[in-house]
């Protein structure tokens, strides 16, 4: 590969804010200095949203990632066969979900072939996927299936705040019932593999409890004593610097103040709520455990503000920066 990593940015649903935030982030000179970005998306959609901005990079149609290396002050866009799409900001259109899925799949292929160093995804809509009869509930399950990855975890990164979710898109009841020692050990291991890249010096993982007060020694539930603590002890024996379980209502504050470099959350909202409270615009979603590097914005399509020119691009900016950071130690990513 080149000295600058090639980052494939998928446009997501074109009726959401994806094209707009891409246009905004690519005029940042820093991004173009540290990587070669390409867009998998639709030129018409890019221009539709970007013409409402004061400044944007001129798009050029390309067919391969390598063609982008020759471009200066322009952005290469790979459309595949999706050149004519119905652009209606804020409207769910199954055809847009089909095109978005195709762009994601191509990015996965090129990352697997090492023709791209990492992929960064803009938001898609779960309802759109369902209407298009696409058998996935979002990016994470697509990527795991297409890369044949059995063990993967959703995580959120924002500055010194890093959360790995033991369970993600499950009902709260199913999430609780599914927690077991073997899988929790795998979650801690996956988190540690990523943490060693980001924080090579003195990494420390804090593991959240499931119950109020982390169970209070069995008074409010036995999961901490029967499952979580044994998993932590096993990981310690493997040399993983982790501790807990700690009460969920204080562990994130402790990470914020530097006591931990990463927290293992037991279920989706346990990790998402504190992260989005503290870093809604800066948060990055990253799928850990994959054989490729994939980061994403930590927000949805925002159909309510699509096309108004007011979407914040900061999450995409940080997603690109984090992807680049991981490419520097790609051999240690999995």
Foldseek 3Di string as FASTA:
>chain_A
DDPAFEEEEEQAQLLFCSLLLVFVLVVPVVLVVRHQYAYAAEQVSNCLQCVVPPDGAAEDEDDASVVSVPDDSHHYYHDPPPHDDDHDHLDQDLVSVVSSLVSLLVSLVCQVVVSGQAYEYEFYQQVSCVVNVPPDSGDQVSQCVSLVFDQKWKWKDFVLEIETELEEPDPPVVLVVPAAQVSVLSSLVLVQLQCCLVPVPPAEEEEEADFAQNCPPVPTHCCSVHHVVVSVVVVVVVVRHYDDHGGLVCPRVCSVVPPHSYYYHSYHCSRPVVCCVVCVQQMKMWMTRGLHTYIYQPDHRPSVCRSVSPDRNNSVNNRSVVSSSCSVVSVSRD
